[in-house]
Amino acid sequence: MLDFRKIEKVAQKISSILPDDPKILKQEFKNSTKPFLSAILKKADLVTRQEFEAQRNLLQQAERKLRELEIRLKNFKE
């Protein structure tokens, strides 16, 4: 779940580091915020689409095996 207070802190930090001169704004923004945002995203524990798909496939396989075992167990009891 996103913590909007943390997002507000991020916005405040970004605005506090922005220079008054618009000519250097782009480079300063890149240099100052990229590491900060990278750290936040790492803490968010996000996964890539490939990792998500791999985990989804493993879960689907496990669910299929579980259904098969449930059927076998039911037939065994009968």
PDB file of N, CA and C in Angstrom:
ATOM      1  N   MET A   1       0.840  -1.169   0.000  1.00  0.00           N
ATOM      2  CA  MET A   1       0.000   0.000   0.000  1.00  0.00           C
ATOM      3  C   MET A   1       0.889   1.238   0.000  1.00  0.00           C
ATOM      4  N   LEU A   2       0.537   2.189  -0.788  1.00  0.00           N
ATOM      5  CA  LEU A   2       1.322   3.412  -0.862  1.00  0.00           C
ATOM      6  C   LEU A   2       1.055   4.296   0.350  1.00  0.00           C
ATOM      7  N   ASP A   3       2.105   4.862   0.880  1.00  0.00           N
ATOM      8  CA  ASP A   3       2.003   5.785   1.993  1.00  0.00           C
ATOM      9  C   ASP A   3       2.114   7.196   1.417  1.00  0.00           C
ATOM     10  N   PHE A   4       0.989   7.914   1.399  1.00  0.00           N
ATOM     11  CA  PHE A   4       0.964   9.220   0.763  1.00  0.00           C
ATOM     12  C   PHE A   4       1.794  10.258   1.516  1.00  0.00           C
ATOM     13  N   ARG A   5       2.042  10.013   2.791  1.00  0.00           N
ATOM     14  CA  ARG A   5       2.931  10.922   3.523  1.00  0.00           C
ATOM     15  C   ARG A   5       4.351  10.830   2.985  1.00  0.00           C
ATOM     16  N   LYS A   6       4.767   9.612   2.641  1.00  0.00           N
ATOM     17  CA  LYS A   6       6.098   9.443   2.065  1.00  0.00           C
ATOM     18  C   LYS A   6       6.182  10.101   0.695  1.00  0.00           C
ATOM     19  N   ILE A   7       5.113   9.982  -0.071  1.00  0.00           N
ATOM     20  CA  ILE A   7       5.091  10.623  -1.389  1.00  0.00           C
ATOM     21  C   ILE A   7       5.169  12.137  -1.237  1.00  0.00           C
ATOM     22  N   GLU A   8       4.465  12.664  -0.257  1.00  0.00           N
ATOM     23  CA  GLU A   8       4.520  14.111   0.008  1.00  0.00           C
ATOM     24  C   GLU A   8       5.927  14.532   0.403  1.00  0.00           C
ATOM     25  N   LYS A   9       6.603  13.715   1.208  1.00  0.00           N
ATOM     26  CA  LYS A   9       7.989  14.013   1.586  1.00  0.00           C
ATOM     27  C   LYS A   9       8.890  14.008   0.362  1.00  0.00           C
ATOM     28  N   VAL A  10       8.656  13.054  -0.542  1.00  0.00           N
ATOM     29  CA  VAL A  10       9.438  12.986  -1.785  1.00  0.00           C
ATOM     30  C   VAL A  10       9.229  14.262  -2.586  1.00  0.00           C
ATOM     31  N   ALA A  11       7.983  14.677  -2.716  1.00  0.00           N
ATOM     32  CA  ALA A  11       7.679  15.890  -3.472  1.00  0.00           C
ATOM     33  C   ALA A  11       8.343  17.108  -2.837  1.00  0.00           C
ATOM     34  N   GLN A  12       8.334  17.180  -1.520  1.00  0.00           N
ATOM     35  CA  GLN A  12       8.970  18.305  -0.830  1.00  0.00           C
ATOM     36  C   GLN A  12      10.476  18.298  -1.041  1.00  0.00           C
ATOM     37  N   LYS A  13      11.084  17.123  -0.964  1.00  0.00           N
ATOM     38  CA  LYS A  13      12.528  17.042  -1.178  1.00  0.00           C
ATOM     39  C   LYS A  13      12.890  17.429  -2.601  1.00  0.00           C
ATOM     40  N   ILE A  14      12.090  16.973  -3.544  1.00  0.00           N
ATOM     41  CA  ILE A  14      12.358  17.320  -4.950  1.00  0.00           C
ATOM     42  C   ILE A  14      12.246  18.820  -5.153  1.00  0.00           C
ATOM     43  N   SER A  15      11.198  19.419  -4.624  1.00  0.00           N
ATOM     44  CA  SER A  15      11.029  20.859  -4.821  1.00  0.00           C
ATOM     45  C   SER A  15      12.116  21.664  -4.103  1.00  0.00           C
ATOM     46  N   SER A  16      12.639  21.140  -3.002  1.00  0.00           N
ATOM     47  CA  SER A  16      13.672  21.878  -2.277  1.00  0.00           C
ATOM     48  C   SER A  16      15.023  21.848  -2.990  1.00  0.00           C
ATOM     49  N   ILE A  17      15.240  20.857  -3.834  1.00  0.00           N
ATOM     50  CA  ILE A  17      16.532  20.765  -4.521  1.00  0.00           C
ATOM     51  C   ILE A  17      16.509  21.371  -5.920  1.00  0.00           C
ATOM     52  N   LEU A  18      15.344  21.776  -6.383  1.00  0.00           N
ATOM     53  CA  LEU A  18      15.267  22.360  -7.720  1.00  0.00           C
ATOM     54  C   LEU A  18      15.905  23.750  -7.739  1.00  0.00           C
ATOM     55  N   PRO A  19      16.768  23.997  -8.693  1.00  0.00           N
ATOM     56  CA  PRO A  19      17.408  25.317  -8.778  1.00  0.00           C
ATOM     57  C   PRO A  19      16.452  26.365  -9.342  1.00  0.00           C
ATOM     58  N   ASP A  20      16.779  27.621  -9.074  1.00  0.00           N
ATOM     59  CA  ASP A  20      15.962  28.723  -9.587  1.00  0.00           C
ATOM     60  C   ASP A  20      16.206  28.950 -11.085  1.00  0.00           C
ATOM     61  N   ASP A  21      17.382  28.610 -11.565  1.00  0.00           N
ATOM     62  CA  ASP A  21      17.730  28.801 -12.970  1.00  0.00           C
ATOM     63  C   ASP A  21      17.194  27.635 -13.801  1.00  0.00           C
ATOM     64  N   PRO A  22      16.258  27.885 -14.705  1.00  0.00           N
ATOM     65  CA  PRO A  22      15.666  26.792 -15.485  1.00  0.00           C
ATOM     66  C   PRO A  22      16.647  26.107 -16.432  1.00  0.00           C
ATOM     67  N   LYS A  23      17.767  26.739 -16.746  1.00  0.00           N
ATOM     68  CA  LYS A  23      18.734  26.145 -17.671  1.00  0.00           C
ATOM     69  C   LYS A  23      19.404  24.910 -17.071  1.00  0.00           C
ATOM     70  N   ILE A  24      19.604  24.929 -15.766  1.00  0.00           N
ATOM     71  CA  ILE A  24      20.275  23.791 -15.148  1.00  0.00           C
ATOM     72  C   ILE A  24      19.290  22.839 -14.473  1.00  0.00           C
ATOM     73  N   LEU A  25      18.031  23.161 -14.601  1.00  0.00           N
ATOM     74  CA  LEU A  25      16.997  22.367 -13.947  1.00  0.00           C
ATOM     75  C   LEU A  25      17.022  20.897 -14.373  1.00  0.00           C
ATOM     76  N   LYS A  26      17.116  20.647 -15.656  1.00  0.00           N
ATOM     77  CA  LYS A  26      17.048  19.280 -16.164  1.00  0.00           C
ATOM     78  C   LYS A  26      18.174  18.418 -15.596  1.00  0.00           C
ATOM     79  N   GLN A  27      19.392  18.887 -15.687  1.00  0.00           N
ATOM     80  CA  GLN A  27      20.531  18.098 -15.197  1.00  0.00           C
ATOM     81  C   GLN A  27      20.501  17.945 -13.683  1.00  0.00           C
ATOM     82  N   GLU A  28      20.179  19.005 -12.985  1.00  0.00           N
ATOM     83  CA  GLU A  28      20.100  18.934 -11.525  1.00  0.00           C
ATOM     84  C   GLU A  28      19.014  17.956 -11.085  1.00  0.00           C
ATOM     85  N   PHE A  29      17.900  18.020 -11.778  1.00  0.00           N
ATOM     86  CA  PHE A  29      16.797  17.124 -11.448  1.00  0.00           C
ATOM     87  C   PHE A  29      17.225  15.670 -11.627  1.00  0.00           C
ATOM     88  N   LYS A  30      17.866  15.393 -12.746  1.00  0.00           N
ATOM     89  CA  LYS A  30      18.322  14.029 -13.034  1.00  0.00           C
ATOM     90  C   LYS A  30      19.339  13.558 -11.994  1.00  0.00           C
ATOM     91  N   ASN A  31      20.312  14.375 -11.706  1.00  0.00           N
ATOM     92  CA  ASN A  31      21.376  14.007 -10.765  1.00  0.00           C
ATOM     93  C   ASN A  31      20.863  13.836  -9.337  1.00  0.00           C
ATOM     94  N   SER A  32      19.910  14.640  -8.962  1.00  0.00           N
ATOM     95  CA  SER A  32      19.453  14.643  -7.571  1.00  0.00           C
ATOM     96  C   SER A  32      18.344  13.639  -7.292  1.00  0.00           C
ATOM     97  N   THR A  33      17.451  13.455  -8.226  1.00  0.00           N
ATOM     98  CA  THR A  33      16.280  12.635  -7.923  1.00  0.00           C
ATOM     99  C   THR A  33      16.401  11.183  -8.353  1.00  0.00           C
ATOM    100  N   LYS A  34      17.223  10.893  -9.325  1.00  0.00           N
ATOM    101  CA  LYS A  34      17.318   9.511  -9.806  1.00  0.00           C
ATOM    102  C   LYS A  34      17.726   8.546  -8.686  1.00  0.00           C
ATOM    103  N   PRO A  35      18.787   8.818  -7.945  1.00  0.00           N
ATOM    104  CA  PRO A  35      19.153   7.881  -6.862  1.00  0.00           C
ATOM    105  C   PRO A  35      18.075   7.804  -5.771  1.00  0.00           C
ATOM    106  N   PHE A  36      17.467   8.929  -5.485  1.00  0.00           N
ATOM    107  CA  PHE A  36      16.435   8.976  -4.453  1.00  0.00           C
ATOM    108  C   PHE A  36      15.222   8.140  -4.859  1.00  0.00           C
ATOM    109  N   LEU A  37      14.754   8.316  -6.078  1.00  0.00           N
ATOM    110  CA  LEU A  37      13.604   7.557  -6.556  1.00  0.00           C
ATOM    111  C   LEU A  37      13.942   6.075  -6.714  1.00  0.00           C
ATOM    112  N   SER A  38      15.153   5.779  -7.113  1.00  0.00           N
ATOM    113  CA  SER A  38      15.580   4.383  -7.230  1.00  0.00           C
ATOM    114  C   SER A  38      15.512   3.696  -5.871  1.00  0.00           C
ATOM    115  N   ALA A  39      15.945   4.376  -4.843  1.00  0.00           N
ATOM    116  CA  ALA A  39      15.905   3.807  -3.493  1.00  0.00           C
ATOM    117  C   ALA A  39      14.466   3.555  -3.047  1.00  0.00           C
ATOM    118  N   ILE A  40      13.580   4.463  -3.357  1.00  0.00           N
ATOM    119  CA  ILE A  40      12.170   4.297  -2.985  1.00  0.00           C
ATOM    120  C   ILE A  40      11.564   3.109  -3.720  1.00  0.00           C
ATOM    121  N   LEU A  41      11.859   2.984  -4.995  1.00  0.00           N
ATOM    122  CA  LEU A  41      11.310   1.874  -5.769  1.00  0.00           C
ATOM    123  C   LEU A  41      11.859   0.532  -5.304  1.00  0.00           C
ATOM    124  N   LYS A  42      13.114   0.503  -4.884  1.00  0.00           N
ATOM    125  CA  LYS A  42      13.674  -0.744  -4.358  1.00  0.00           C
ATOM    126  C   LYS A  42      12.965  -1.139  -3.066  1.00  0.00           C
ATOM    127  N   LYS A  43      12.660  -0.162  -2.229  1.00  0.00           N
ATOM    128  CA  LYS A  43      11.950  -0.448  -0.986  1.00  0.00           C
ATOM    129  C   LYS A  43      10.523  -0.911  -1.251  1.00  0.00           C
ATOM    130  N   ALA A  44       9.964  -0.528  -2.388  1.00  0.00           N
ATOM    131  CA  ALA A  44       8.589  -0.911  -2.716  1.00  0.00           C
ATOM    132  C   ALA A  44       8.495  -2.396  -3.051  1.00  0.00           C
ATOM    133  N   ASP A  45       9.630  -3.054  -3.237  1.00  0.00           N
ATOM    134  CA  ASP A  45       9.685  -4.493  -3.492  1.00  0.00           C
ATOM    135  C   ASP A  45       8.881  -4.865  -4.732  1.00  0.00           C
ATOM    136  N   LEU A  46       9.084  -4.145  -5.807  1.00  0.00           N
ATOM    137  CA  LEU A  46       8.411  -4.414  -7.069  1.00  0.00           C
ATOM    138  C   LEU A  46       9.138  -5.512  -7.822  1.00  0.00           C
ATOM    139  N   VAL A  47       8.410  -6.191  -8.686  1.00  0.00           N
ATOM    140  CA  VAL A  47       9.014  -7.229  -9.516  1.00  0.00           C
ATOM    141  C   VAL A  47       8.780  -6.890 -10.984  1.00  0.00           C
ATOM    142  N   THR A  48       9.626  -7.468 -11.826  1.00  0.00           N
ATOM    143  CA  THR A  48       9.454  -7.250 -13.257  1.00  0.00           C
ATOM    144  C   THR A  48       8.292  -8.095 -13.766  1.00  0.00           C
ATOM    145  N   ARG A  49       7.835  -7.792 -14.956  1.00  0.00           N
ATOM    146  CA  ARG A  49       6.757  -8.563 -15.574  1.00  0.00           C
ATOM    147  C   ARG A  49       7.194 -10.023 -15.750  1.00  0.00           C
ATOM    148  N   GLN A  50       8.455 -10.229 -16.127  1.00  0.00           N
ATOM    149  CA  GLN A  50       8.960 -11.592 -16.314  1.00  0.00           C
ATOM    150  C   GLN A  50       8.920 -12.373 -15.003  1.00  0.00           C
ATOM    151  N   GLU A  51       9.341 -11.738 -13.919  1.00  0.00           N
ATOM    152  CA  GLU A  51       9.314 -12.411 -12.617  1.00  0.00           C
ATOM    153  C   GLU A  51       7.881 -12.729 -12.201  1.00  0.00           C
ATOM    154  N   PHE A  52       6.994 -11.784 -12.453  1.00  0.00           N
ATOM    155  CA  PHE A  52       5.581 -11.988 -12.123  1.00  0.00           C
ATOM    156  C   PHE A  52       5.011 -13.158 -12.914  1.00  0.00           C
ATOM    157  N   GLU A  53       5.271 -13.192 -14.218  1.00  0.00           N
ATOM    158  CA  GLU A  53       4.761 -14.274 -15.066  1.00  0.00           C
ATOM    159  C   GLU A  53       5.327 -15.620 -14.638  1.00  0.00           C
ATOM    160  N   ALA A  54       6.596 -15.670 -14.294  1.00  0.00           N
ATOM    161  CA  ALA A  54       7.212 -16.924 -13.852  1.00  0.00           C
ATOM    162  C   ALA A  54       6.542 -17.421 -12.576  1.00  0.00           C
ATOM    163  N   GLN A  55       6.312 -16.530 -11.627  1.00  0.00           N
ATOM    164  CA  GLN A  55       5.658 -16.913 -10.380  1.00  0.00           C
ATOM    165  C   GLN A  55       4.207 -17.329 -10.623  1.00  0.00           C
ATOM    166  N   ARG A  56       3.541 -16.651 -11.539  1.00  0.00           N
ATOM    167  CA  ARG A  56       2.156 -16.998 -11.869  1.00  0.00           C
ATOM    168  C   ARG A  56       2.093 -18.393 -12.477  1.00  0.00           C
ATOM    169  N   ASN A  57       3.036 -18.697 -13.373  1.00  0.00           N
ATOM    170  CA  ASN A  57       3.076 -20.022 -13.988  1.00  0.00           C
ATOM    171  C   ASN A  57       3.319 -21.113 -12.953  1.00  0.00           C
ATOM    172  N   LEU A  58       4.240 -20.858 -12.020  1.00  0.00           N
ATOM    173  CA  LEU A  58       4.496 -21.833 -10.949  1.00  0.00           C
ATOM    174  C   LEU A  58       3.255 -22.050 -10.089  1.00  0.00           C
ATOM    175  N   LEU A  59       2.548 -20.972  -9.806  1.00  0.00           N
ATOM    176  CA  LEU A  59       1.331 -21.084  -9.006  1.00  0.00           C
ATOM    177  C   LEU A  59       0.266 -21.882  -9.751  1.00  0.00           C
ATOM    178  N   GLN A  60       0.118 -21.647 -11.040  1.00  0.00           N
ATOM    179  CA  GLN A  60      -0.864 -22.394 -11.832  1.00  0.00           C
ATOM    180  C   GLN A  60      -0.523 -23.887 -11.857  1.00  0.00           C
ATOM    181  N   GLN A  61       0.756 -24.203 -11.992  1.00  0.00           N
ATOM    182  CA  GLN A  61       1.174 -25.604 -11.974  1.00  0.00           C
ATOM    183  C   GLN A  61       0.865 -26.243 -10.617  1.00  0.00           C
ATOM    184  N   ALA A  62       1.149 -25.534  -9.561  1.00  0.00           N
ATOM    185  CA  ALA A  62       0.885 -26.058  -8.216  1.00  0.00           C
ATOM    186  C   ALA A  62      -0.610 -26.262  -8.008  1.00  0.00           C
ATOM    187  N   GLU A  63      -1.425 -25.335  -8.500  1.00  0.00           N
ATOM    188  CA  GLU A  63      -2.877 -25.482  -8.369  1.00  0.00           C
ATOM    189  C   GLU A  63      -3.379 -26.692  -9.148  1.00  0.00           C
ATOM    190  N   ARG A  64      -2.836 -26.926 -10.357  1.00  0.00           N
ATOM    191  CA  ARG A  64      -3.225 -28.099 -11.153  1.00  0.00           C
ATOM    192  C   ARG A  64      -2.865 -29.388 -10.420  1.00  0.00           C
ATOM    193  N   LYS A  65      -1.658 -29.440  -9.886  1.00  0.00           N
ATOM    194  CA  LYS A  65      -1.224 -30.631  -9.160  1.00  0.00           C
ATOM    195  C   LYS A  65      -2.088 -30.868  -7.923  1.00  0.00           C
ATOM    196  N   LEU A  66      -2.446 -29.793  -7.238  1.00  0.00           N
ATOM    197  CA  LEU A  66      -3.297 -29.916  -6.062  1.00  0.00           C
ATOM    198  C   LEU A  66      -4.662 -30.470  -6.448  1.00  0.00           C
ATOM    199  N   ARG A  67      -5.261 -29.962  -7.521  1.00  0.00           N
ATOM    200  CA  ARG A  67      -6.556 -30.482  -7.979  1.00  0.00           C
ATOM    201  C   ARG A  67      -6.448 -31.973  -8.326  1.00  0.00           C
ATOM    202  N   GLU A  68      -5.364 -32.338  -9.018  1.00  0.00           N
ATOM    203  CA  GLU A  68      -5.166 -33.747  -9.380  1.00  0.00           C
ATOM    204  C   GLU A  68      -5.042 -34.626  -8.135  1.00  0.00           C
ATOM    205  N   LEU A  69      -4.294 -34.150  -7.166  1.00  0.00           N
ATOM    206  CA  LEU A  69      -4.138 -34.921  -5.923  1.00  0.00           C
ATOM    207  C   LEU A  69      -5.453 -35.028  -5.151  1.00  0.00           C
ATOM    208  N   GLU A  70      -6.240 -33.969  -5.159  1.00  0.00           N
ATOM    209  CA  GLU A  70      -7.535 -34.007  -4.486  1.00  0.00           C
ATOM    210  C   GLU A  70      -8.444 -35.035  -5.139  1.00  0.00           C
ATOM    211  N   ILE A  71      -8.419 -35.089  -6.475  1.00  0.00           N
ATOM    212  CA  ILE A  71      -9.224 -36.076  -7.196  1.00  0.00           C
ATOM    213  C   ILE A  71      -8.748 -37.482  -6.878  1.00  0.00           C
ATOM    214  N   ARG A  72      -7.433 -37.695  -6.888  1.00  0.00           N
ATOM    215  CA  ARG A  72      -6.887 -39.020  -6.585  1.00  0.00           C
ATOM    216  C   ARG A  72      -7.240 -39.443  -5.150  1.00  0.00           C
ATOM    217  N   LEU A  73      -7.151 -38.510  -4.235  1.00  0.00           N
ATOM    218  CA  LEU A  73      -7.482 -38.817  -2.841  1.00  0.00           C
ATOM    219  C   LEU A  73      -8.957 -39.156  -2.699  1.00  0.00           C
ATOM    220  N   LYS A  74      -9.800 -38.409  -3.355  1.00  0.00           N
ATOM    221  CA  LYS A  74     -11.244 -38.667  -3.309  1.00  0.00           C
ATOM    222  C   LYS A  74     -11.539 -40.049  -3.877  1.00  0.00           C
ATOM    223  N   ASN A  75     -10.929 -40.419  -5.006  1.00  0.00           N
ATOM    224  CA  ASN A  75     -11.135 -41.720  -5.628  1.00  0.00           C
ATOM    225  C   ASN A  75     -10.568 -42.839  -4.751  1.00  0.00           C
ATOM    226  N   PHE A  76      -9.472 -42.558  -4.079  1.00  0.00           N
ATOM    227  CA  PHE A  76      -8.854 -43.557  -3.213  1.00  0.00           C
ATOM    228  C   PHE A  76      -9.755 -43.876  -2.020  1.00  0.00           C
ATOM    229  N   LYS A  77     -10.414 -42.864  -1.470  1.00  0.00           N
ATOM    230  CA  LYS A  77     -11.298 -43.042  -0.316  1.00  0.00           C
ATOM    231  C   LYS A  77     -12.543 -43.815  -0.683  1.00  0.00           C
ATOM    232  N   GLU A  78     -12.967 -43.734  -1.934  1.00  0.00           N
ATOM    233  CA  GLU A  78     -14.215 -44.384  -2.358  1.00  0.00           C
ATOM    234  C   GLU A  78     -14.044 -45.822  -2.608  1.00  0.00           C
TER     235      GLU A  78
END
